[in-house]
Protein backbone atom coordinates (compact mmCIF):
# COMPACT_ATOMS: atom_id res chain seq x y z
CA MET A 1 3.04 100.46 -53.22
CA SER A 2 5.42 100.47 -56.14
CA ASP A 3 5.84 97.50 -58.45
CA PRO A 4 9.15 95.68 -57.95
CA SER A 5 11.73 95.20 -60.64
CA ALA A 6 14.72 92.90 -60.78
CA PRO A 7 17.00 93.35 -57.74
CA ASP A 8 20.04 94.05 -59.91
CA ARG A 9 18.38 97.26 -61.10
CA ALA A 10 18.32 98.64 -57.56
CA VAL A 11 21.62 100.45 -57.28
CA THR A 12 23.59 101.00 -60.47
CA ALA A 13 25.62 104.16 -60.75
CA ASP A 14 25.61 106.68 -63.56
CA ARG A 15 29.27 107.67 -63.23
CA SER A 16 30.46 110.90 -64.83
CA ALA A 17 33.78 112.06 -63.45
CA GLY A 18 33.96 115.46 -61.84
CA THR A 19 37.09 117.50 -61.23
CA GLY A 20 38.06 120.46 -59.10
CA ALA A 21 36.07 121.93 -56.24
CA ALA A 22 32.35 121.27 -55.87
CA ALA A 23 30.18 123.01 -58.43
CA VAL A 24 27.49 123.39 -55.80
CA PRO A 25 24.07 123.61 -57.46
CA SER A 26 21.37 125.95 -56.21
CA GLU A 27 19.00 124.52 -53.63
CA ARG A 28 16.19 124.43 -56.18
CA GLU A 29 18.31 122.62 -58.75
CA LEU A 30 19.47 120.12 -56.18
CA THR A 31 16.02 119.38 -54.76
CA GLU A 32 14.56 118.93 -58.24
CA TRP A 33 17.36 116.53 -59.13
CA ILE A 34 16.92 114.56 -55.90
CA THR A 35 13.17 114.29 -56.50
CA THR A 36 13.64 113.02 -60.05
CA ARG A 37 16.39 110.52 -59.26
CA ALA A 38 14.67 109.15 -56.14
CA ALA A 39 11.54 108.44 -58.19
CA GLU A 40 13.65 106.69 -60.85
CA LEU A 41 15.34 104.48 -58.24
CA GLN A 42 12.14 103.55 -56.42
CA PRO A 43 11.20 100.35 -58.33
CA GLY A 44 14.66 98.86 -57.92
CA LEU A 45 14.87 99.84 -54.26
CA VAL A 46 11.50 98.22 -53.58
CA ALA A 47 12.89 95.00 -55.03
CA VAL A 48 15.91 95.20 -52.72
CA ARG A 49 13.69 95.90 -49.72
CA ARG A 50 11.50 92.89 -50.48
CA ASP A 51 14.56 90.67 -50.78
CA LEU A 52 15.83 91.89 -47.40
CA HIS A 53 12.38 91.51 -45.87
CA ALA A 54 12.13 87.90 -47.03
CA HIS A 55 15.53 87.02 -45.52
CA PRO A 56 15.66 88.66 -42.05
CA GLU A 57 18.50 87.94 -39.64
CA LEU A 58 18.91 88.53 -35.92
CA GLY A 59 21.48 90.85 -34.36
CA ARG A 60 25.13 90.01 -35.02
CA GLU A 61 23.94 87.21 -37.32
CA GLU A 62 23.23 89.49 -40.31
CA VAL A 63 25.72 87.74 -42.61
CA ARG A 64 23.58 87.60 -45.75
CA THR A 65 22.22 91.10 -45.13
CA THR A 66 25.74 92.50 -44.83
CA GLU A 67 26.79 90.75 -48.04
CA VAL A 68 23.79 92.19 -49.93
CA ILE A 69 24.58 95.71 -48.70
CA ALA A 70 28.27 95.38 -49.55
CA GLU A 71 27.54 94.13 -53.06
CA GLN A 72 25.16 97.01 -53.76
CA LEU A 73 27.81 99.50 -52.62
CA ARG A 74 30.57 97.85 -54.65
CA ARG A 75 28.42 98.26 -57.76
CA LEU A 76 28.72 101.98 -57.17
CA GLY A 77 32.50 101.74 -57.06
CA LEU A 78 32.51 102.26 -53.29
CA GLN A 79 34.64 100.38 -50.76
CA PRO A 80 32.54 99.12 -47.85
CA SER A 81 34.36 97.95 -44.72
CA VAL A 82 32.74 95.25 -42.55
CA LEU A 83 32.88 95.70 -38.77
CA ARG A 84 35.18 93.45 -36.78
CA VAL A 85 32.17 91.75 -35.20
CA GLY A 86 31.57 90.25 -38.66
CA THR A 87 28.30 91.94 -39.57
CA GLY A 88 27.38 95.53 -40.34
CA LEU A 89 29.67 97.88 -42.23
CA THR A 90 30.59 101.46 -42.93
CA CYS A 91 31.37 103.15 -46.24
CA ASP A 92 32.70 106.64 -46.97
CA ILE A 93 31.70 108.84 -49.92
CA VAL A 94 34.23 111.67 -50.04
CA PRO A 95 34.87 114.16 -52.88
CA ASP A 96 38.49 114.28 -54.08
CA PHE A 97 38.86 117.97 -53.32
CA VAL A 98 37.72 117.73 -49.68
CA ASP A 99 40.39 118.09 -47.00
CA PRO A 100 41.04 114.54 -45.75
CA ASP A 101 41.01 115.87 -42.17
CA ALA A 102 37.60 117.49 -42.61
CA GLY A 103 34.79 116.02 -40.53
CA LEU A 104 32.30 113.60 -42.07
CA LEU A 105 28.51 113.63 -41.86
CA GLY A 106 27.28 110.23 -40.68
CA LEU A 107 24.06 108.53 -41.82
CA ARG A 108 23.02 105.42 -39.92
CA ALA A 109 20.65 102.56 -40.76
CA ASP A 110 20.11 99.51 -38.55
CA ILE A 111 19.99 96.15 -40.35
CA ASP A 112 18.79 93.46 -37.90
CA ALA A 113 15.40 91.82 -37.43
CA LEU A 114 13.31 90.58 -34.50
CA PRO A 115 12.66 87.08 -33.10
CA LEU A 116 9.02 87.06 -34.23
CA THR A 117 6.99 84.94 -36.63
CA GLU A 118 5.55 87.19 -39.35
CA THR A 119 1.78 87.06 -39.94
CA THR A 120 1.36 89.69 -42.68
CA GLY A 121 0.67 87.18 -45.47
CA LEU A 122 2.70 89.32 -47.87
CA PRO A 123 4.13 87.51 -50.91
CA PHE A 124 7.61 88.56 -49.77
CA ALA A 125 7.07 87.65 -46.10
CA SER A 126 9.90 86.22 -44.04
CA THR A 127 11.25 82.86 -45.16
CA ASN A 128 13.27 82.50 -41.93
CA THR A 129 11.12 80.79 -39.31
CA GLY A 130 10.75 82.83 -36.14
CA VAL A 131 12.57 85.90 -37.52
CA ALA A 132 10.89 88.96 -39.05
CA HIS A 133 11.54 92.57 -40.02
CA SER A 134 8.78 93.83 -37.73
CA CYS A 135 10.51 97.10 -36.87
CA GLY A 136 11.22 98.39 -40.38
CA HIS A 137 14.99 97.97 -40.40
CA ASP A 138 14.76 96.56 -43.93
CA VAL A 139 13.22 99.91 -44.94
CA HIS A 140 15.99 101.87 -43.18
CA THR A 141 18.67 99.80 -44.92
CA THR A 142 17.07 100.18 -48.34
CA ILE A 143 16.74 103.94 -47.94
CA LEU A 144 20.42 104.31 -47.09
CA LEU A 145 21.35 102.27 -50.17
CA GLY A 146 19.32 104.69 -52.28
CA VAL A 147 21.02 107.63 -50.58
CA ALA A 148 24.40 106.01 -51.37
CA GLN A 149 23.47 105.98 -55.06
CA LEU A 150 22.49 109.65 -55.15
CA LEU A 151 25.44 110.89 -53.08
CA THR A 152 27.84 108.92 -55.27
CA GLU A 153 26.37 110.54 -58.37
CA LEU A 154 26.66 113.98 -56.80
CA ARG A 155 30.26 113.29 -55.85
CA ASP A 156 31.13 112.14 -59.38
CA GLN A 157 29.54 115.29 -60.81
CA GLY A 158 31.60 117.44 -58.44
CA LYS A 159 28.45 118.56 -56.62
CA LEU A 160 28.93 116.98 -53.20
CA ALA A 161 30.40 119.57 -50.85
CA ARG A 162 31.44 117.32 -47.95
CA GLY A 163 32.27 113.75 -47.09
CA VAL A 164 29.63 111.33 -45.84
CA ARG A 165 29.99 108.09 -43.87
CA LEU A 166 27.27 105.49 -44.32
CA ILE A 167 26.82 103.39 -41.18
CA PHE A 168 24.94 100.11 -41.59
CA GLN A 169 24.67 99.09 -37.94
CA PRO A 170 24.06 95.54 -36.71
CA ALA A 171 22.15 94.40 -33.64
CA GLU A 172 20.08 97.44 -32.74
CA GLU A 173 17.50 95.12 -31.17
CA SER A 174 20.12 93.30 -29.08
CA SER A 175 21.30 94.12 -25.60
CA PRO A 176 23.85 95.60 -25.63
CA GLY A 177 23.09 97.08 -29.03
CA GLY A 178 25.33 97.18 -32.07
CA ALA A 179 26.09 100.89 -31.71
CA ILE A 180 28.85 99.83 -29.33
CA ASP A 181 30.32 97.71 -32.14
CA VAL A 182 30.42 100.79 -34.37
CA VAL A 183 32.07 102.89 -31.67
CA GLY A 184 34.41 100.12 -30.53
CA ASP A 185 35.62 99.66 -34.11
CA ASN A 186 36.48 103.40 -34.25
CA ARG A 187 33.91 104.00 -37.00
CA MET A 188 32.73 107.22 -35.34
CA LEU A 189 36.21 108.74 -35.53
CA GLY A 190 36.13 111.68 -37.92
CA VAL A 191 32.32 111.95 -37.82
CA ASP A 192 31.26 115.48 -36.82
CA GLU A 193 27.50 114.92 -36.90
CA VAL A 194 25.24 111.89 -37.38
CA TYR A 195 21.62 111.32 -38.46
CA ALA A 196 19.09 108.51 -38.72
CA LEU A 197 15.50 107.71 -39.63
CA HIS A 198 13.14 105.31 -37.89
CA CYS A 199 9.84 103.98 -39.21
CA ASP A 200 6.77 105.31 -37.40
CA PRO A 201 3.42 103.56 -38.09
CA GLY A 202 1.65 106.43 -36.33
CA VAL A 203 2.68 108.90 -39.06
CA ASP A 204 1.43 108.96 -42.66
CA VAL A 205 3.69 108.29 -45.61
CA GLY A 206 5.09 111.57 -46.89
CA GLN A 207 5.49 113.04 -43.40
CA ILE A 208 8.54 113.34 -41.16
CA GLY A 209 8.27 113.64 -37.37
CA LEU A 210 10.84 115.70 -35.47
CA ARG A 211 11.46 117.05 -32.00
CA THR A 212 14.35 118.77 -30.25
CA GLY A 213 15.69 117.04 -27.15
CA PRO A 214 14.94 113.45 -26.12
CA ILE A 215 13.00 111.52 -28.77
CA THR A 216 13.42 108.03 -27.27
CA SER A 217 14.08 106.89 -23.74
CA ALA A 218 16.78 105.10 -21.83
CA ALA A 219 16.08 101.36 -21.78
CA ASP A 220 17.61 98.64 -19.63
CA LYS A 221 16.72 94.99 -19.25
CA VAL A 222 16.34 94.33 -15.53
CA THR A 223 16.79 90.90 -13.92
CA ILE A 224 16.38 90.40 -10.19
CA GLU A 225 17.51 87.04 -8.83
CA VAL A 226 16.44 86.04 -5.32
CA HIS A 227 17.88 83.11 -3.36
CA GLY A 228 16.87 81.67 0.00
CA PRO A 229 17.11 78.51 2.11
CA GLY A 230 13.83 77.03 0.87
CA GLY A 231 11.59 74.93 3.11
CA HIS A 232 8.15 73.45 3.77
CA THR A 233 5.11 75.69 3.46
CA SER A 234 3.83 74.32 6.78
CA ARG A 235 6.79 75.88 8.60
CA PRO A 236 7.47 79.29 6.96
CA GLN A 237 8.90 80.61 10.24
CA LEU A 238 11.90 78.29 9.76
CA SER A 239 12.68 79.59 6.28
CA ALA A 240 12.49 82.78 4.24
CA ASP A 241 9.37 83.45 2.17
CA LEU A 242 10.93 83.76 -1.25
CA ILE A 243 7.59 83.91 -3.08
CA GLY A 244 6.38 86.65 -0.76
CA GLY A 245 9.58 88.58 -1.33
CA LEU A 246 9.30 88.25 -5.11
CA ALA A 247 5.67 89.35 -5.05
CA ASP A 248 6.55 92.36 -2.93
CA LEU A 249 9.38 93.28 -5.29
CA ALA A 250 7.05 93.00 -8.28
CA ASN A 251 4.38 95.19 -6.66
CA ARG A 252 6.29 97.73 -4.60
CA LEU A 253 9.59 98.26 -6.39
CA PRO A 254 8.19 100.25 -9.35
CA LEU A 255 6.25 102.56 -7.01
CA LEU A 256 9.11 103.07 -4.56
CA LEU A 257 11.57 103.73 -7.38
CA SER A 258 9.32 106.54 -8.59
CA ARG A 259 9.77 108.16 -5.16
CA ARG A 260 13.57 107.92 -5.25
CA VAL A 261 14.08 109.74 -8.57
CA ASP A 262 12.84 112.98 -10.10
CA PRO A 263 9.26 112.29 -11.29
CA ARG A 264 9.78 114.61 -14.26
CA GLY A 265 12.11 111.95 -15.69
CA THR A 266 9.35 109.30 -15.64
CA ALA A 267 11.13 106.16 -14.49
CA SER A 268 8.99 103.27 -15.78
CA LEU A 269 9.77 99.81 -14.35
CA VAL A 270 7.51 97.11 -15.81
CA TRP A 271 7.82 93.34 -15.38
CA GLY A 272 7.53 90.77 -18.13
CA VAL A 273 8.53 87.55 -16.34
CA ILE A 274 8.22 86.19 -12.80
CA GLU A 275 9.50 82.69 -12.08
CA ALA A 276 9.80 80.62 -8.91
CA GLY A 277 8.95 77.20 -7.54
CA HIS A 278 7.52 73.91 -8.79
CA ALA A 279 5.52 72.44 -5.91
CA ASN A 280 2.54 73.90 -4.06
CA ASN A 281 3.85 72.82 -0.65
CA ALA A 282 7.50 73.85 -0.98
CA ILE A 283 9.03 77.26 -0.48
CA PRO A 284 11.51 77.50 -3.37
CA GLU A 285 15.18 78.28 -3.01
CA ALA A 286 15.38 80.58 -6.05
CA GLY A 287 13.24 82.84 -8.17
CA SER A 288 13.55 85.79 -10.51
CA LEU A 289 11.88 88.86 -11.94
CA LYS A 290 12.60 90.17 -15.43
CA GLY A 291 11.45 93.43 -16.91
CA THR A 292 12.51 96.77 -18.36
CA LEU A 293 13.51 100.10 -16.89
CA ARG A 294 12.78 103.11 -19.09
CA CYS A 295 13.52 106.77 -18.34
CA LEU A 296 12.90 109.94 -20.29
CA ASP A 297 16.12 111.78 -19.51
CA PRO A 298 19.75 110.83 -18.82
CA ALA A 299 19.88 112.20 -15.25
CA THR A 300 16.83 110.21 -14.13
CA TRP A 301 18.18 107.12 -15.87
CA ARG A 302 21.48 107.32 -14.02
CA ALA A 303 19.74 107.95 -10.70
CA ALA A 304 17.36 105.02 -11.21
CA ARG A 305 20.16 102.62 -12.13
CA THR A 306 22.07 103.66 -9.01
CA ALA A 307 19.06 103.38 -6.66
CA LEU A 308 17.57 100.11 -7.88
CA PRO A 309 19.95 97.51 -6.31
CA GLY A 310 19.78 98.96 -2.80
CA LEU A 311 16.05 99.56 -2.97
CA ALA A 312 15.41 95.97 -4.04
CA LYS A 313 17.28 94.66 -1.00
CA GLU A 314 15.29 96.96 1.28
CA VAL A 315 11.97 95.70 -0.12
CA ALA A 316 12.94 92.04 0.26
CA ALA A 317 14.46 92.36 3.74
CA PRO A 318 11.26 91.79 5.81
CA TRP A 319 10.71 88.40 4.19
CA GLY A 320 13.69 86.72 5.81
CA GLU A 321 17.25 85.89 4.92
CA LEU A 322 17.01 86.39 1.16
CA GLU A 323 19.92 87.17 -1.13
CA VAL A 324 18.92 89.71 -3.78
CA GLN A 325 20.98 90.47 -6.87
CA VAL A 326 20.01 93.08 -9.47
CA PHE A 327 21.41 92.88 -13.00
CA LEU A 328 21.02 95.76 -15.45
CA SER A 329 21.93 95.15 -19.06
CA GLY A 330 21.64 97.22 -22.19
CA ASP A 331 23.10 100.53 -21.11
CA ILE A 332 21.01 102.30 -23.78
CA PRO A 333 20.77 106.05 -23.09
CA PRO A 334 17.98 108.28 -24.37
CA THR A 335 18.33 109.48 -27.95
CA VAL A 336 18.65 113.23 -27.50
CA ASN A 337 18.26 115.31 -30.66
CA HIS A 338 20.56 118.32 -30.80
CA PRO A 339 18.96 121.64 -31.82
CA ALA A 340 21.37 122.18 -34.74
CA GLY A 341 20.72 118.64 -35.97
CA VAL A 342 16.96 119.17 -35.91
CA THR A 343 17.47 122.43 -37.80
CA ARG A 344 19.42 120.60 -40.53
CA LEU A 345 16.76 117.90 -40.87
CA THR A 346 13.92 120.42 -40.83
CA ARG A 347 15.54 122.45 -43.59
CA ALA A 348 16.13 119.33 -45.67
CA GLY A 349 12.56 118.12 -45.24
CA GLN A 350 11.07 121.47 -46.10
CA ALA A 351 13.22 121.70 -49.23
CA VAL A 352 12.33 118.32 -50.74
CA LEU A 353 8.99 117.46 -49.12
CA GLY A 354 7.43 120.82 -48.22
CA TRP A 355 6.49 122.55 -44.98
CA GLU A 356 3.36 120.48 -44.54
CA ALA A 357 5.40 117.28 -44.43
CA MET A 358 7.22 118.24 -41.24
CA VAL A 359 5.24 117.35 -38.10
CA ASP A 360 5.92 117.33 -34.39
CA THR A 361 6.45 113.96 -32.74
CA PRO A 362 6.21 113.03 -29.05
CA GLN A 363 8.97 111.38 -27.06
CA SER A 364 8.69 107.61 -27.00
CA LEU A 365 9.43 105.30 -24.08
CA GLY A 366 10.98 102.92 -26.60
CA GLY A 367 14.72 102.34 -26.50
CA GLU A 368 17.05 103.07 -29.41
CA ASP A 369 20.84 102.74 -29.24
CA PHE A 370 21.34 105.56 -31.75
CA GLY A 371 21.78 107.58 -28.55
CA VAL A 372 25.18 105.89 -28.17
CA LEU A 373 26.30 107.37 -31.51
CA LEU A 374 24.93 110.78 -30.50
CA SER A 375 27.18 110.66 -27.43
CA HIS A 376 30.13 110.75 -29.87
CA ALA A 377 28.79 113.31 -32.38
CA PRO A 378 25.79 115.65 -32.31
CA GLY A 379 22.90 115.07 -34.68
CA ALA A 380 19.31 113.88 -34.67
CA MET A 381 16.88 111.08 -35.43
CA ALA A 382 13.65 111.65 -37.37
CA ARG A 383 10.44 109.63 -37.53
CA LEU A 384 9.60 108.35 -41.01
CA GLY A 385 5.90 107.96 -41.72
CA VAL A 386 5.08 104.44 -42.98
CA ARG A 387 1.29 104.38 -42.52
CA SER A 388 -0.68 104.47 -45.76
CA VAL A 389 -2.62 107.72 -46.05
CA GLY A 390 -6.11 107.07 -44.72
CA GLY A 391 -4.95 103.89 -42.98
CA HIS A 392 -6.70 103.03 -39.72
CA ASP A 393 -5.61 100.72 -36.89
CA TRP A 394 -2.18 100.41 -38.52
CA PRO A 395 -0.09 97.63 -36.92
CA ASP A 396 2.50 98.93 -34.51
CA LEU A 397 6.23 98.21 -34.43
CA HIS A 398 7.29 94.86 -32.96
CA ARG A 399 4.00 93.24 -33.92
CA PRO A 400 4.10 90.19 -36.22
CA ASP A 401 1.64 91.91 -38.59
CA PHE A 402 3.60 95.17 -38.85
CA MET A 403 3.77 96.53 -42.40
CA ALA A 404 5.36 99.60 -43.99
CA ASP A 405 3.93 101.38 -47.00
CA GLU A 406 6.78 101.19 -49.50
CA GLY A 407 6.16 104.74 -50.64
CA ALA A 408 8.14 105.65 -47.52
CA ILE A 409 11.33 104.43 -49.24
CA GLU A 410 11.26 107.20 -51.83
CA VAL A 411 10.41 109.77 -49.14
CA GLY A 412 13.34 108.61 -47.00
CA VAL A 413 15.77 108.78 -49.92
CA HIS A 414 14.59 112.33 -50.68
CA PHE A 415 14.98 113.36 -47.08
CA LEU A 416 18.35 111.88 -46.10
CA THR A 417 19.99 112.83 -49.39
CA ALA A 418 18.92 116.42 -48.89
CA ALA A 419 20.13 116.34 -45.28
CA ALA A 420 23.61 115.34 -46.45
CA ALA A 421 23.84 117.38 -49.63
CA LEU A 422 22.19 120.73 -48.94
């Protein structure tokens, strides 16, 4: 890991005014410049990342995080615009000579943290009790700040050929996710294509994972509430067996759902909570199941969401007069990488990192609301390796001991800058 320096060294622009149309450098000149400048920025960016890591904030509460991002961008002479929800922001970097009606290339980083207590023991571990950057969003944010520096310098030198919109998105871990805040605030208007990185502790630092098509899955939070008349356990025939109905729902619903949708779409329904009753001799009047529904493709996801309410009522029906309500929240579609977007990212990675750095990645059953942005503009998400080379049993995402090798920051700055500038 790199040694930190003072945070105020992180993003300070070298501004030399450019005029006229873009003096587009050769690919070799550009990649060499990106490599040099990214290495020079690394110590300051590490300091920013550690500051963000020590002060994590939950979705739509990222007030301090948003202020830190905005201040870093203002130092570059940029004009960040906070979303109406109050956290998260966007910021455009557009050369003077570019047609104002020309489409922008979007780059997105999520900025929120998780409701976990960090156990890494790092000297810059979370100082906010019960909140931690255990999914690497502090790394994503820091990388995009570094990209902002380099793209601003290219613009000022007259070497940036198109406009770029930086999207610092709040609440990716929330349900519904903050991508809807970006879209609802019209921040995707004018964006022709959009890209993102996500930390992957299963990939070594220096490598980028890519795939065409779905790279994450649809994800919904599922809550099933069951209500009945209640009664005495000595006379179940006079009541409705709510516990029996809940147990049957927990056991049979996932299997039956897999028979109602295309199995190639892999509908995964898994429970995390089952609640009902307080006394061992009383049939309760209410109970609930809570879990997640995950699907690999959009068609299966839509079919599963449509089938689930009716199927739940069918399963519970034999247990008596039970009222069953199914609530689906999240509405997070799969993140589906477009072929042209993967081609752009592959070319960028090969140019600045080399052929050997580009690796295939499998589709994950994890949810990621970047798919919402991709429904408004084509593009792609890449996996950023954050596992130290030679590391074994590396902590996974969403674990309180998750760590990211900070060398990934420089790699990410290389990669996303090249994706926007080449």
